[in-house]
Amino acid sequence: MNFGGTLRFNKFACFTLGFILFLIIYWRSGGSGYPIEKDDLINLKSLLKAAIYAAERGGKKVIDGKNHDLNIKSKGKTKEGLNDPVTDADYASHCAMYYSLKNTFPNLKIISEEHSSDDPSCKKQEKIDVDSVIADHRIIEHLNDEHVLTNQVTMWIDPLDATKEYTEGLYEYVTTMACVAINGVPIVGVIHYPFPPRTYWGWFTKKTSSNIANIQHMAENKEHPRVVISRSHPGKVEDLVKRSFGPKTTVIQAAGAGDKVMGVVNGNFDVYLHATAIKKWDLCAGNAIIKAVDGKMTTLKGEDINYSSDSEPKVTDGILVSRYDHDYYLSKIPKENA
C-alpha cells in the first residue's frame, strides 16, 4: 500500500462547504453571527396557550368588577367628543393579564391599553403553566411546537374592550384580548367573552378554535352586505356605508372592536367598517383571527397594519374587515374617504 501520495484539496468545494456552514450559523443566530441561546427563542404554541390563560384570567376580573363599585374615571375625550371611560375592572384585568404574561416570559415585549395601578400586589401574578392542557381547547396539544426569536415578537393586550358598554351593563359586547405579532404581522389572536364565558382563538396558517363557524361564501351578499359599525358614532359612518355599498345595505350597530370582528368571523356580518382612528390593541387579536379563516383586515386605503412594538399605536386611516370579497368592498369606498 502506498501512503506516500499527496492529499489534494478542492479549493472550490472547501469554500462552498465553509459558506454553507456560515449560512447555517447565521440563520440560526437570527443574523447576529452568534449561536442562538435557549432564552433567545420563544414557542408560539406556548404563547397561544398563555394568551388564552391570560385573557380568561382578565375575564374573571371583569366579572368580579361588575359586582363592586366600578370607580369610573375618564381618560379624556375621543375624537368624536365622547367620554373615554376607565374602571377599576380595566386595571384589575390589566394586572392579571400583563403580569401573568410578563412573569412567564420576562423577555417578551408586551403592550397593553392600560397601565399598572399603585397596588404593589399587581405585579405578583402567578406564572402561567404553559405545559398544562386547556380543557376546552385540547386541539392545541396536537399542534407542533414552533420557535421564533423572542426579539421578533410583540404581544398586544386589551384588558377590557368596550368599557363604555361595560359601565352601561351592556355586557354582551365586552371582551378581553391578546395577540402575538411577529415582525409586525399578527399571527396568534385570542378573544375572550366573560359574559357568558367563551374563548375564540386563531393561529394563522395553523388552526382555529373549534367554536368558530365554518362560513360558506355567498356571492349574492356582495350586492346587499350586512355591515357592522360602531354604536358610538354611527351617523357619518352609516352615510359612508350607504354611499359605498348601496341603499340595500343592512347597517347594524355594535360595540367593541373585538365583538365586531368576531361577528364577521362567525358570519353574522359581511363587513366591519370603521372610519376614524382606532388603537392597535383593539385590532390585533381580531386581525390574527380573521387572517386564520382566510379573511382580511386592512385600512380603508387597503394597507396592512404594522403591529411592531416601535410602531405608532394608533391606526388613523380607518379599517375594513371581511371574511370574503375584501378587495371588492375596498374598491367601493369613495376615494376621498380612503
C-alpha atoms as a PDB file:
ATOM      1  CA  MET A   1       0.000   0.000   0.000  1.00  0.00           C
ATOM      2  CA  ASN A   2       1.259   3.393  -0.865  1.00  0.00           C
ATOM      3  CA  PHE A   3       0.801   6.047   1.829  1.00  0.00           C
ATOM      4  CA  GLY A   4       3.298   8.351   0.295  1.00  0.00           C
ATOM      5  CA  GLY A   5       0.876  10.071  -2.058  1.00  0.00           C
ATOM      6  CA  THR A   6      -0.172  13.684  -1.589  1.00  0.00           C
ATOM      7  CA  LEU A   7      -3.631  14.737  -0.353  1.00  0.00           C
ATOM      8  CA  ARG A   8      -5.142  17.270  -2.689  1.00  0.00           C
ATOM      9  CA  PHE A   9      -7.886  19.728  -1.634  1.00  0.00           C
ATOM     10  CA  ASN A  10     -10.538  21.041  -3.957  1.00  0.00           C
ATOM     11  CA  LYS A  11     -10.493  24.740  -3.082  1.00  0.00           C
ATOM     12  CA  PHE A  12     -13.947  25.381  -4.539  1.00  0.00           C
ATOM     13  CA  ALA A  13     -15.517  22.507  -2.585  1.00  0.00           C
ATOM     14  CA  CYS A  14     -13.908  23.713   0.650  1.00  0.00           C
ATOM     15  CA  PHE A  15     -15.111  27.262   0.047  1.00  0.00           C
ATOM     16  CA  THR A  16     -18.640  26.041  -0.692  1.00  0.00           C
ATOM     17  CA  LEU A  17     -18.727  23.892   2.446  1.00  0.00           C
ATOM     18  CA  GLY A  18     -17.455  26.773   4.555  1.00  0.00           C
ATOM     19  CA  PHE A  19     -20.008  29.151   3.094  1.00  0.00           C
ATOM     20  CA  ILE A  20     -22.863  26.711   3.789  1.00  0.00           C
ATOM     21  CA  LEU A  21     -21.711  26.333   7.411  1.00  0.00           C
ATOM     22  CA  PHE A  22     -21.618  30.121   7.727  1.00  0.00           C
ATOM     23  CA  LEU A  23     -25.154  30.432   6.391  1.00  0.00           C
ATOM     24  CA  ILE A  24     -26.406  27.794   8.825  1.00  0.00           C
ATOM     25  CA  ILE A  25     -24.843  29.588  11.799  1.00  0.00           C
ATOM     26  CA  TYR A  26     -26.072  32.977  10.541  1.00  0.00           C
ATOM     27  CA  TRP A  27     -29.613  31.716  10.027  1.00  0.00           C
ATOM     28  CA  ARG A  28     -29.750  30.008  13.424  1.00  0.00           C
ATOM     29  CA  SER A  29     -28.466  33.148  15.085  1.00  0.00           C
ATOM     30  CA  GLY A  30     -31.107  35.376  13.506  1.00  0.00           C
ATOM     31  CA  GLY A  31     -28.468  37.301  11.607  1.00  0.00           C
ATOM     32  CA  SER A  32     -26.363  38.233  14.615  1.00  0.00           C
ATOM     33  CA  GLY A  33     -23.500  35.915  13.752  1.00  0.00           C
ATOM     34  CA  TYR A  34     -23.656  34.319  17.211  1.00  0.00           C
ATOM     35  CA  PRO A  35     -25.251  30.973  18.132  1.00  0.00           C
ATOM     36  CA  ILE A  36     -28.785  31.249  19.497  1.00  0.00           C
ATOM     37  CA  GLU A  37     -29.223  30.639  23.210  1.00  0.00           C
ATOM     38  CA  LYS A  38     -32.307  28.897  24.594  1.00  0.00           C
ATOM     39  CA  ASP A  39     -33.542  32.128  26.196  1.00  0.00           C
ATOM     40  CA  ASP A  40     -33.484  33.860  22.783  1.00  0.00           C
ATOM     41  CA  LEU A  41     -36.288  31.624  21.479  1.00  0.00           C
ATOM     42  CA  ILE A  42     -39.969  31.503  22.328  1.00  0.00           C
ATOM     43  CA  ASN A  43     -42.524  28.821  21.477  1.00  0.00           C
ATOM     44  CA  LEU A  44     -45.602  30.094  19.635  1.00  0.00           C
ATOM     45  CA  LYS A  45     -47.649  27.156  20.853  1.00  0.00           C
ATOM     46  CA  SER A  46     -46.814  28.122  24.434  1.00  0.00           C
ATOM     47  CA  LEU A  47     -47.673  31.756  23.657  1.00  0.00           C
ATOM     48  CA  LEU A  48     -51.085  30.712  22.312  1.00  0.00           C
ATOM     49  CA  LYS A  49     -51.857  28.788  25.477  1.00  0.00           C
ATOM     50  CA  ALA A  50     -50.546  31.623  27.640  1.00  0.00           C
ATOM     51  CA  ALA A  51     -52.673  34.141  25.724  1.00  0.00           C
ATOM     52  CA  ILE A  52     -55.783  32.038  26.375  1.00  0.00           C
ATOM     53  CA  TYR A  53     -54.991  31.722  30.084  1.00  0.00           C
ATOM     54  CA  ALA A  54     -54.257  35.450  30.358  1.00  0.00           C
ATOM     55  CA  ALA A  55     -57.426  36.546  28.547  1.00  0.00           C
ATOM     56  CA  GLU A  56     -59.549  34.247  30.693  1.00  0.00           C
ATOM     57  CA  ARG A  57     -57.866  35.463  33.904  1.00  0.00           C
ATOM     58  CA  GLY A  58     -58.604  39.011  32.835  1.00  0.00           C
ATOM     59  CA  GLY A  59     -62.185  37.999  32.096  1.00  0.00           C
ATOM     60  CA  LYS A  60     -62.660  36.754  35.658  1.00  0.00           C
ATOM     61  CA  LYS A  61     -61.519  40.147  36.957  1.00  0.00           C
ATOM     62  CA  VAL A  62     -64.037  41.815  34.653  1.00  0.00           C
ATOM     63  CA  ILE A  63     -66.816  39.588  36.019  1.00  0.00           C
ATOM     64  CA  ASP A  64     -65.779  40.348  39.610  1.00  0.00           C
ATOM     65  CA  GLY A  65     -65.637  44.062  38.837  1.00  0.00           C
ATOM     66  CA  LYS A  66     -69.308  44.400  37.969  1.00  0.00           C
ATOM     67  CA  ASN A  67     -70.216  43.311  41.492  1.00  0.00           C
ATOM     68  CA  HIS A  68     -68.291  46.201  43.053  1.00  0.00           C
ATOM     69  CA  ASP A  69     -68.078  49.957  42.706  1.00  0.00           C
ATOM     70  CA  LEU A  70     -66.685  50.485  39.192  1.00  0.00           C
ATOM     71  CA  ASN A  71     -64.955  53.733  40.201  1.00  0.00           C
ATOM     72  CA  ILE A  72     -65.455  55.146  36.717  1.00  0.00           C
ATOM     73  CA  LYS A  73     -62.905  57.703  35.588  1.00  0.00           C
ATOM     74  CA  SER A  74     -62.251  59.393  32.251  1.00  0.00           C
ATOM     75  CA  LYS A  75     -59.139  59.078  30.117  1.00  0.00           C
ATOM     76  CA  GLY A  76     -60.346  62.088  28.127  1.00  0.00           C
ATOM     77  CA  LYS A  77     -62.493  62.604  25.070  1.00  0.00           C
ATOM     78  CA  THR A  78     -62.473  60.648  21.855  1.00  0.00           C
ATOM     79  CA  LYS A  79     -62.106  62.412  18.502  1.00  0.00           C
ATOM     80  CA  GLU A  80     -65.893  62.295  18.265  1.00  0.00           C
ATOM     81  CA  GLY A  81     -66.202  64.131  21.598  1.00  0.00           C
ATOM     82  CA  LEU A  82     -67.355  61.111  23.588  1.00  0.00           C
ATOM     83  CA  ASN A  83     -66.107  60.256  27.056  1.00  0.00           C
ATOM     84  CA  ASP A  84     -63.408  57.534  27.122  1.00  0.00           C
ATOM     85  CA  PRO A  85     -64.011  55.793  30.453  1.00  0.00           C
ATOM     86  CA  VAL A  86     -61.779  53.511  32.501  1.00  0.00           C
ATOM     87  CA  THR A  87     -62.774  51.486  35.557  1.00  0.00           C
ATOM     88  CA  ASP A  88     -61.153  49.531  38.363  1.00  0.00           C
ATOM     89  CA  ALA A  89     -62.037  46.401  36.384  1.00  0.00           C
ATOM     90  CA  ASP A  90     -59.851  47.625  33.483  1.00  0.00           C
ATOM     91  CA  TYR A  91     -56.887  47.946  35.856  1.00  0.00           C
ATOM     92  CA  ALA A  92     -57.559  44.640  37.632  1.00  0.00           C
ATOM     93  CA  SER A  93     -57.757  42.818  34.310  1.00  0.00           C
ATOM     94  CA  HIS A  94     -54.572  44.554  33.144  1.00  0.00           C
ATOM     95  CA  CYS A  95     -52.710  43.380  36.249  1.00  0.00           C
ATOM     96  CA  ALA A  96     -53.914  39.811  35.804  1.00  0.00           C
ATOM     97  CA  MET A  97     -53.104  39.666  32.091  1.00  0.00           C
ATOM     98  CA  TYR A  98     -49.954  41.753  31.766  1.00  0.00           C
ATOM     99  CA  TYR A  99     -48.042  40.434  34.773  1.00  0.00           C
ATOM    100  CA  SER A 100     -49.032  36.791  34.400  1.00  0.00           C
ATOM    101  CA  LEU A 101     -47.575  37.010  30.890  1.00  0.00           C
ATOM    102  CA  LYS A 102     -44.561  39.097  31.940  1.00  0.00           C
ATOM    103  CA  ASN A 103     -43.735  36.789  34.852  1.00  0.00           C
ATOM    104  CA  THR A 104     -43.930  33.802  32.500  1.00  0.00           C
ATOM    105  CA  PHE A 105     -41.971  35.386  29.626  1.00  0.00           C
ATOM    106  CA  PRO A 106     -39.704  38.084  31.156  1.00  0.00           C
ATOM    107  CA  ASN A 107     -38.073  39.000  27.814  1.00  0.00           C
ATOM    108  CA  LEU A 108     -41.336  39.343  25.904  1.00  0.00           C
ATOM    109  CA  LYS A 109     -42.396  42.817  24.701  1.00  0.00           C
ATOM    110  CA  ILE A 110     -45.995  43.396  25.832  1.00  0.00           C
ATOM    111  CA  ILE A 111     -48.122  46.442  25.002  1.00  0.00           C
ATOM    112  CA  SER A 112     -51.329  46.978  26.981  1.00  0.00           C
ATOM    113  CA  GLU A 113     -54.079  49.558  26.720  1.00  0.00           C
ATOM    114  CA  GLU A 114     -53.858  50.206  30.453  1.00  0.00           C
ATOM    115  CA  HIS A 115     -51.053  50.794  32.944  1.00  0.00           C
ATOM    116  CA  SER A 116     -50.309  49.292  36.332  1.00  0.00           C
ATOM    117  CA  SER A 117     -52.152  50.524  39.389  1.00  0.00           C
ATOM    118  CA  ASP A 118     -50.425  51.659  42.571  1.00  0.00           C
ATOM    119  CA  ASP A 119     -51.292  48.355  44.244  1.00  0.00           C
ATOM    120  CA  PRO A 120     -47.987  46.501  44.853  1.00  0.00           C
ATOM    121  CA  SER A 121     -49.773  43.162  44.561  1.00  0.00           C
ATOM    122  CA  CYS A 122     -50.437  43.963  40.888  1.00  0.00           C
ATOM    123  CA  LYS A 123     -47.059  42.593  39.839  1.00  0.00           C
ATOM    124  CA  LYS A 124     -47.360  39.469  41.986  1.00  0.00           C
ATOM    125  CA  GLN A 125     -49.286  37.422  39.468  1.00  0.00           C
ATOM    126  CA  GLU A 126     -48.927  33.672  39.252  1.00  0.00           C
ATOM    127  CA  LYS A 127     -46.919  32.353  36.312  1.00  0.00           C
ATOM    128  CA  ILE A 128     -48.835  30.565  33.588  1.00  0.00           C
ATOM    129  CA  ASP A 129     -48.298  26.814  33.311  1.00  0.00           C
ATOM    130  CA  VAL A 130     -47.891  26.589  29.539  1.00  0.00           C
ATOM    131  CA  ASP A 131     -47.394  22.809  29.725  1.00  0.00           C
ATOM    132  CA  SER A 132     -50.852  22.169  31.151  1.00  0.00           C
ATOM    133  CA  VAL A 133     -53.757  21.086  28.982  1.00  0.00           C
ATOM    134  CA  ILE A 134     -56.572  23.587  28.396  1.00  0.00           C
ATOM    135  CA  ALA A 135     -59.739  21.547  28.804  1.00  0.00           C
ATOM    136  CA  ASP A 136     -61.824  23.392  26.193  1.00  0.00           C
ATOM    137  CA  HIS A 137     -59.001  23.619  23.651  1.00  0.00           C
ATOM    138  CA  ARG A 138     -57.331  20.198  23.629  1.00  0.00           C
ATOM    139  CA  ILE A 139     -56.781  20.551  19.893  1.00  0.00           C
ATOM    140  CA  ILE A 140     -53.789  22.762  20.696  1.00  0.00           C
ATOM    141  CA  GLU A 141     -51.932  19.742  22.080  1.00  0.00           C
ATOM    142  CA  HIS A 142     -51.917  18.220  18.583  1.00  0.00           C
ATOM    143  CA  LEU A 143     -50.234  21.251  17.032  1.00  0.00           C
ATOM    144  CA  ASN A 144     -46.481  21.250  16.501  1.00  0.00           C
ATOM    145  CA  ASP A 145     -44.159  23.445  18.518  1.00  0.00           C
ATOM    146  CA  GLU A 146     -42.843  26.406  16.550  1.00  0.00           C
ATOM    147  CA  HIS A 147     -39.997  28.534  17.884  1.00  0.00           C
ATOM    148  CA  VAL A 148     -39.188  32.088  16.859  1.00  0.00           C
ATOM    149  CA  LEU A 149     -36.748  34.684  18.115  1.00  0.00           C
ATOM    150  CA  THR A 150     -38.148  36.461  21.164  1.00  0.00           C
ATOM    151  CA  ASN A 151     -36.912  39.850  19.930  1.00  0.00           C
ATOM    152  CA  GLN A 152     -39.154  39.474  16.850  1.00  0.00           C
ATOM    153  CA  VAL A 153     -42.308  39.085  18.949  1.00  0.00           C
ATOM    154  CA  THR A 154     -44.660  41.753  20.303  1.00  0.00           C
ATOM    155  CA  MET A 155     -47.756  40.941  22.340  1.00  0.00           C
ATOM    156  CA  TRP A 156     -50.698  43.351  22.322  1.00  0.00           C
ATOM    157  CA  ILE A 157     -53.353  43.022  25.028  1.00  0.00           C
ATOM    158  CA  ASP A 158     -56.648  44.771  25.693  1.00  0.00           C
ATOM    159  CA  PRO A 159     -57.731  44.051  29.280  1.00  0.00           C
ATOM    160  CA  LEU A 160     -61.309  45.255  28.718  1.00  0.00           C
ATOM    161  CA  ASP A 161     -62.689  46.118  25.308  1.00  0.00           C
ATOM    162  CA  ALA A 162     -65.990  48.069  25.236  1.00  0.00           C
ATOM    163  CA  THR A 163     -65.517  49.727  28.641  1.00  0.00           C
ATOM    164  CA  LYS A 164     -68.306  52.247  27.944  1.00  0.00           C
ATOM    165  CA  GLU A 165     -70.786  49.442  27.365  1.00  0.00           C
ATOM    166  CA  TYR A 166     -69.469  47.646  30.439  1.00  0.00           C
ATOM    167  CA  THR A 167     -70.373  50.673  32.570  1.00  0.00           C
ATOM    168  CA  GLU A 168     -73.846  50.664  30.977  1.00  0.00           C
ATOM    169  CA  GLY A 169     -74.465  46.984  31.694  1.00  0.00           C
ATOM    170  CA  LEU A 170     -74.270  46.001  28.006  1.00  0.00           C
ATOM    171  CA  TYR A 171     -72.039  43.028  28.806  1.00  0.00           C
ATOM    172  CA  GLU A 172     -72.597  41.148  25.540  1.00  0.00           C
ATOM    173  CA  TYR A 173     -70.078  43.446  23.808  1.00  0.00           C
ATOM    174  CA  VAL A 174     -67.320  43.091  26.396  1.00  0.00           C
ATOM    175  CA  THR A 175     -64.156  41.105  25.625  1.00  0.00           C
ATOM    176  CA  THR A 176     -60.574  40.660  26.798  1.00  0.00           C
ATOM    177  CA  MET A 177     -57.993  40.177  24.052  1.00  0.00           C
ATOM    178  CA  ALA A 178     -54.412  39.058  23.487  1.00  0.00           C
ATOM    179  CA  CYS A 179     -52.416  38.946  20.256  1.00  0.00           C
ATOM    180  CA  VAL A 180     -48.991  37.739  19.152  1.00  0.00           C
ATOM    181  CA  ALA A 181     -47.322  39.619  16.296  1.00  0.00           C
ATOM    182  CA  ILE A 182     -44.059  38.543  14.663  1.00  0.00           C
ATOM    183  CA  ASN A 183     -42.092  41.293  12.951  1.00  0.00           C
ATOM    184  CA  GLY A 184     -45.271  43.367  12.999  1.00  0.00           C
ATOM    185  CA  VAL A 185     -47.511  40.663  11.461  1.00  0.00           C
ATOM    186  CA  PRO A 186     -50.423  39.350  13.610  1.00  0.00           C
ATOM    187  CA  ILE A 187     -50.093  35.578  13.889  1.00  0.00           C
ATOM    188  CA  VAL A 188     -51.959  34.432  17.020  1.00  0.00           C
ATOM    189  CA  GLY A 189     -55.138  36.042  18.326  1.00  0.00           C
ATOM    190  CA  VAL A 190     -57.344  35.321  21.358  1.00  0.00           C
ATOM    191  CA  ILE A 191     -60.710  36.972  22.088  1.00  0.00           C
ATOM    192  CA  HIS A 192     -62.477  36.021  25.315  1.00  0.00           C
ATOM    193  CA  TYR A 193     -66.065  36.896  26.229  1.00  0.00           C
ATOM    194  CA  PRO A 194     -66.665  36.946  30.007  1.00  0.00           C
ATOM    195  CA  PHE A 195     -70.475  37.127  29.648  1.00  0.00           C
ATOM    196  CA  PRO A 196     -71.108  34.210  29.267  1.00  0.00           C
ATOM    197  CA  PRO A 197     -67.517  32.839  29.317  1.00  0.00           C
ATOM    198  CA  ARG A 198     -66.291  31.611  25.934  1.00  0.00           C
ATOM    199  CA  THR A 199     -62.997  31.961  24.101  1.00  0.00           C
ATOM    200  CA  TYR A 200     -62.148  32.162  20.411  1.00  0.00           C
ATOM    201  CA  TRP A 201     -58.631  31.875  19.013  1.00  0.00           C
ATOM    202  CA  GLY A 202     -56.817  31.634  15.708  1.00  0.00           C
ATOM    203  CA  TRP A 203     -53.257  30.737  14.730  1.00  0.00           C
ATOM    204  CA  PHE A 204     -52.564  31.936  11.201  1.00  0.00           C
ATOM    205  CA  THR A 205     -51.800  29.080   8.760  1.00  0.00           C
ATOM    206  CA  LYS A 206     -52.353  26.531  11.555  1.00  0.00           C
ATOM    207  CA  LYS A 207     -55.751  26.225  13.239  1.00  0.00           C
ATOM    208  CA  THR A 208     -58.676  27.983  14.872  1.00  0.00           C
ATOM    209  CA  SER A 209     -60.737  27.161  17.930  1.00  0.00           C
ATOM    210  CA  SER A 210     -63.485  24.617  17.237  1.00  0.00           C
ATOM    211  CA  ASN A 211     -66.241  27.101  18.140  1.00  0.00           C
ATOM    212  CA  ILE A 212     -65.504  29.302  15.111  1.00  0.00           C
ATOM    213  CA  ALA A 213     -68.149  28.766  12.455  1.00  0.00           C
ATOM    214  CA  ASN A 214     -67.385  27.377   9.008  1.00  0.00           C
ATOM    215  CA  ILE A 215     -68.995  30.087   6.864  1.00  0.00           C
ATOM    216  CA  GLN A 216     -69.616  29.466   3.177  1.00  0.00           C
ATOM    217  CA  HIS A 217     -69.102  32.232   0.627  1.00  0.00           C
ATOM    218  CA  MET A 218     -72.385  33.819  -0.532  1.00  0.00           C
ATOM    219  CA  ALA A 219     -71.730  35.775  -3.734  1.00  0.00           C
ATOM    220  CA  GLU A 220     -75.128  37.482  -3.601  1.00  0.00           C
ATOM    221  CA  ASN A 221     -74.178  39.148  -0.306  1.00  0.00           C
ATOM    222  CA  LYS A 222     -71.882  41.464  -2.254  1.00  0.00           C
ATOM    223  CA  GLU A 223     -74.895  43.356  -3.605  1.00  0.00           C
ATOM    224  CA  HIS A 224     -76.561  43.875  -0.201  1.00  0.00           C
ATOM    225  CA  PRO A 225     -73.958  43.255   2.509  1.00  0.00           C
ATOM    226  CA  ARG A 226     -74.595  43.298   6.244  1.00  0.00           C
ATOM    227  CA  VAL A 227     -72.236  45.929   7.602  1.00  0.00           C
ATOM    228  CA  VAL A 228     -71.493  46.417  11.297  1.00  0.00           C
ATOM    229  CA  ILE A 229     -70.388  49.824  12.576  1.00  0.00           C
ATOM    230  CA  SER A 230     -69.689  51.387  15.953  1.00  0.00           C
ATOM    231  CA  ARG A 231     -72.690  52.414  18.036  1.00  0.00           C
ATOM    232  CA  SER A 232     -70.623  55.278  19.487  1.00  0.00           C
ATOM    233  CA  HIS A 233     -70.625  57.407  16.306  1.00  0.00           C
ATOM    234  CA  PRO A 234     -72.987  55.847  13.720  1.00  0.00           C
ATOM    235  CA  GLY A 235     -74.143  58.929  11.772  1.00  0.00           C
ATOM    236  CA  LYS A 236     -71.303  59.731   9.400  1.00  0.00           C
ATOM    237  CA  VAL A 237     -70.187  56.093   9.137  1.00  0.00           C
ATOM    238  CA  GLU A 238     -73.670  54.885   8.193  1.00  0.00           C
ATOM    239  CA  ASP A 239     -73.770  57.507   5.467  1.00  0.00           C
ATOM    240  CA  LEU A 240     -70.391  56.310   4.176  1.00  0.00           C
ATOM    241  CA  VAL A 241     -71.628  52.698   4.188  1.00  0.00           C
ATOM    242  CA  LYS A 242     -74.720  53.555   2.143  1.00  0.00           C
ATOM    243  CA  ARG A 243     -72.672  55.573  -0.356  1.00  0.00           C
ATOM    244  CA  SER A 244     -70.131  52.786  -0.659  1.00  0.00           C
ATOM    245  CA  PHE A 245     -72.263  49.664  -0.832  1.00  0.00           C
ATOM    246  CA  GLY A 246     -75.671  50.954  -1.911  1.00  0.00           C
ATOM    247  CA  PRO A 247     -79.082  51.653  -0.356  1.00  0.00           C
ATOM    248  CA  LYS A 248     -79.903  47.950   0.101  1.00  0.00           C
ATOM    249  CA  THR A 249     -77.059  47.610   2.587  1.00  0.00           C
ATOM    250  CA  THR A 250     -78.096  46.466   6.054  1.00  0.00           C
ATOM    251  CA  VAL A 251     -76.330  48.509   8.739  1.00  0.00           C
ATOM    252  CA  ILE A 252     -76.031  47.135  12.275  1.00  0.00           C
ATOM    253  CA  GLN A 253     -74.611  48.981  15.266  1.00  0.00           C
ATOM    254  CA  ALA A 254     -72.486  47.165  17.833  1.00  0.00           C
ATOM    255  CA  ALA A 255     -69.710  47.931  20.304  1.00  0.00           C
ATOM    256  CA  GLY A 256     -66.174  46.740  20.908  1.00  0.00           C
ATOM    257  CA  ALA A 257     -63.803  46.066  18.027  1.00  0.00           C
ATOM    258  CA  GLY A 258     -63.292  42.503  19.242  1.00  0.00           C
ATOM    259  CA  ASP A 259     -67.005  41.747  19.161  1.00  0.00           C
ATOM    260  CA  LYS A 260     -67.485  43.322  15.724  1.00  0.00           C
ATOM    261  CA  VAL A 261     -64.597  41.346  14.192  1.00  0.00           C
ATOM    262  CA  MET A 262     -65.933  38.114  15.697  1.00  0.00           C
ATOM    263  CA  GLY A 263     -69.310  38.968  14.167  1.00  0.00           C
ATOM    264  CA  VAL A 264     -67.632  38.928  10.749  1.00  0.00           C
ATOM    265  CA  VAL A 265     -65.612  35.801  11.567  1.00  0.00           C
ATOM    266  CA  ASN A 266     -68.746  33.885  12.626  1.00  0.00           C
ATOM    267  CA  GLY A 267     -70.834  35.067   9.673  1.00  0.00           C
ATOM    268  CA  ASN A 268     -73.230  37.442  11.436  1.00  0.00           C
ATOM    269  CA  PHE A 269     -71.923  40.313   9.305  1.00  0.00           C
ATOM    270  CA  ASP A 270     -70.214  40.524   5.930  1.00  0.00           C
ATOM    271  CA  VAL A 271     -68.210  43.678   6.637  1.00  0.00           C
ATOM    272  CA  TYR A 272     -66.973  45.651   9.621  1.00  0.00           C
ATOM    273  CA  LEU A 273     -66.198  49.259   8.685  1.00  0.00           C
ATOM    274  CA  HIS A 274     -64.599  51.823  10.987  1.00  0.00           C
ATOM    275  CA  ALA A 275     -63.881  55.250   9.533  1.00  0.00           C
ATOM    276  CA  THR A 276     -61.995  57.034  12.322  1.00  0.00           C
ATOM    277  CA  ALA A 277     -58.841  56.462  14.379  1.00  0.00           C
ATOM    278  CA  ILE A 278     -58.586  53.263  16.421  1.00  0.00           C
ATOM    279  CA  LYS A 279     -55.875  51.743  18.637  1.00  0.00           C
ATOM    280  CA  LYS A 280     -53.940  48.613  17.717  1.00  0.00           C
ATOM    281  CA  TRP A 281     -54.692  46.759  20.964  1.00  0.00           C
ATOM    282  CA  ASP A 282     -58.347  46.902  19.817  1.00  0.00           C
ATOM    283  CA  LEU A 283     -57.446  45.296  16.482  1.00  0.00           C
ATOM    284  CA  CYS A 284     -54.516  42.906  16.723  1.00  0.00           C
ATOM    285  CA  ALA A 285     -56.299  39.824  18.115  1.00  0.00           C
ATOM    286  CA  GLY A 286     -59.166  40.149  15.657  1.00  0.00           C
ATOM    287  CA  ASN A 287     -56.701  40.726  12.829  1.00  0.00           C
ATOM    288  CA  ALA A 288     -54.935  37.441  13.592  1.00  0.00           C
ATOM    289  CA  ILE A 289     -58.219  35.521  13.834  1.00  0.00           C
ATOM    290  CA  ILE A 290     -59.685  36.923  10.598  1.00  0.00           C
ATOM    291  CA  LYS A 291     -56.422  36.001   8.835  1.00  0.00           C
ATOM    292  CA  ALA A 292     -56.662  32.483  10.277  1.00  0.00           C
ATOM    293  CA  VAL A 293     -60.027  31.997   8.488  1.00  0.00           C
ATOM    294  CA  ASP A 294     -58.591  33.445   5.243  1.00  0.00           C
ATOM    295  CA  GLY A 295     -60.285  36.809   5.696  1.00  0.00           C
ATOM    296  CA  LYS A 296     -58.699  40.256   5.729  1.00  0.00           C
ATOM    297  CA  MET A 297     -58.332  43.373   7.825  1.00  0.00           C
ATOM    298  CA  THR A 298     -56.797  46.447   6.208  1.00  0.00           C
ATOM    299  CA  THR A 299     -57.016  50.201   6.470  1.00  0.00           C
ATOM    300  CA  LEU A 300     -59.530  51.904   4.178  1.00  0.00           C
ATOM    301  CA  LYS A 301     -56.538  52.556   1.917  1.00  0.00           C
ATOM    302  CA  GLY A 302     -56.027  48.800   1.593  1.00  0.00           C
ATOM    303  CA  GLU A 303     -52.833  48.758   3.640  1.00  0.00           C
ATOM    304  CA  ASP A 304     -51.861  46.068   6.140  1.00  0.00           C
ATOM    305  CA  ILE A 305     -51.456  47.165   9.753  1.00  0.00           C
ATOM    306  CA  ASN A 306     -47.998  47.021  11.344  1.00  0.00           C
ATOM    307  CA  TYR A 307     -48.015  45.743  14.937  1.00  0.00           C
ATOM    308  CA  SER A 308     -44.302  46.160  15.682  1.00  0.00           C
ATOM    309  CA  SER A 309     -43.509  47.422  19.176  1.00  0.00           C
ATOM    310  CA  ASP A 310     -41.949  50.619  17.823  1.00  0.00           C
ATOM    311  CA  SER A 311     -44.870  51.440  15.517  1.00  0.00           C
ATOM    312  CA  GLU A 312     -47.469  54.137  16.160  1.00  0.00           C
ATOM    313  CA  PRO A 313     -50.166  52.559  18.389  1.00  0.00           C
ATOM    314  CA  LYS A 314     -52.987  54.287  16.525  1.00  0.00           C
ATOM    315  CA  VAL A 315     -54.435  53.476  13.102  1.00  0.00           C
ATOM    316  CA  THR A 316     -55.679  56.739  11.590  1.00  0.00           C
ATOM    317  CA  ASP A 317     -56.979  55.602   8.190  1.00  0.00           C
ATOM    318  CA  GLY A 318     -59.966  53.568   9.367  1.00  0.00           C
ATOM    319  CA  ILE A 319     -60.329  49.817   8.899  1.00  0.00           C
ATOM    320  CA  LEU A 320     -62.239  47.361   6.745  1.00  0.00           C
ATOM    321  CA  VAL A 321     -62.744  43.749   7.829  1.00  0.00           C
ATOM    322  CA  SER A 322     -64.315  40.975   5.752  1.00  0.00           C
ATOM    323  CA  ARG A 323     -64.147  37.217   5.507  1.00  0.00           C
ATOM    324  CA  TYR A 324     -64.774  37.213   1.746  1.00  0.00           C
ATOM    325  CA  ASP A 325     -64.615  39.682  -1.202  1.00  0.00           C
ATOM    326  CA  HIS A 326     -62.354  42.124   0.622  1.00  0.00           C
ATOM    327  CA  ASP A 327     -60.898  43.763  -2.474  1.00  0.00           C
ATOM    328  CA  TYR A 328     -64.403  44.212  -3.918  1.00  0.00           C
ATOM    329  CA  TYR A 329     -65.669  46.008  -0.811  1.00  0.00           C
ATOM    330  CA  LEU A 330     -62.495  48.072  -0.662  1.00  0.00           C
ATOM    331  CA  SER A 331     -62.973  49.219  -4.252  1.00  0.00           C
ATOM    332  CA  LYS A 332     -66.467  50.520  -3.420  1.00  0.00           C
ATOM    333  CA  ILE A 333     -65.298  53.020  -0.805  1.00  0.00           C
ATOM    334  CA  PRO A 334     -65.090  56.567  -2.249  1.00  0.00           C
ATOM    335  CA  LYS A 335     -61.511  57.657  -2.744  1.00  0.00           C
ATOM    336  CA  GLU A 336     -61.946  60.765  -0.593  1.00  0.00           C
ATOM    337  CA  ASN A 337     -62.723  58.517   2.376  1.00  0.00           C
ATOM    338  CA  ALA A 338     -59.855  56.112   1.797  1.00  0.00           C
END
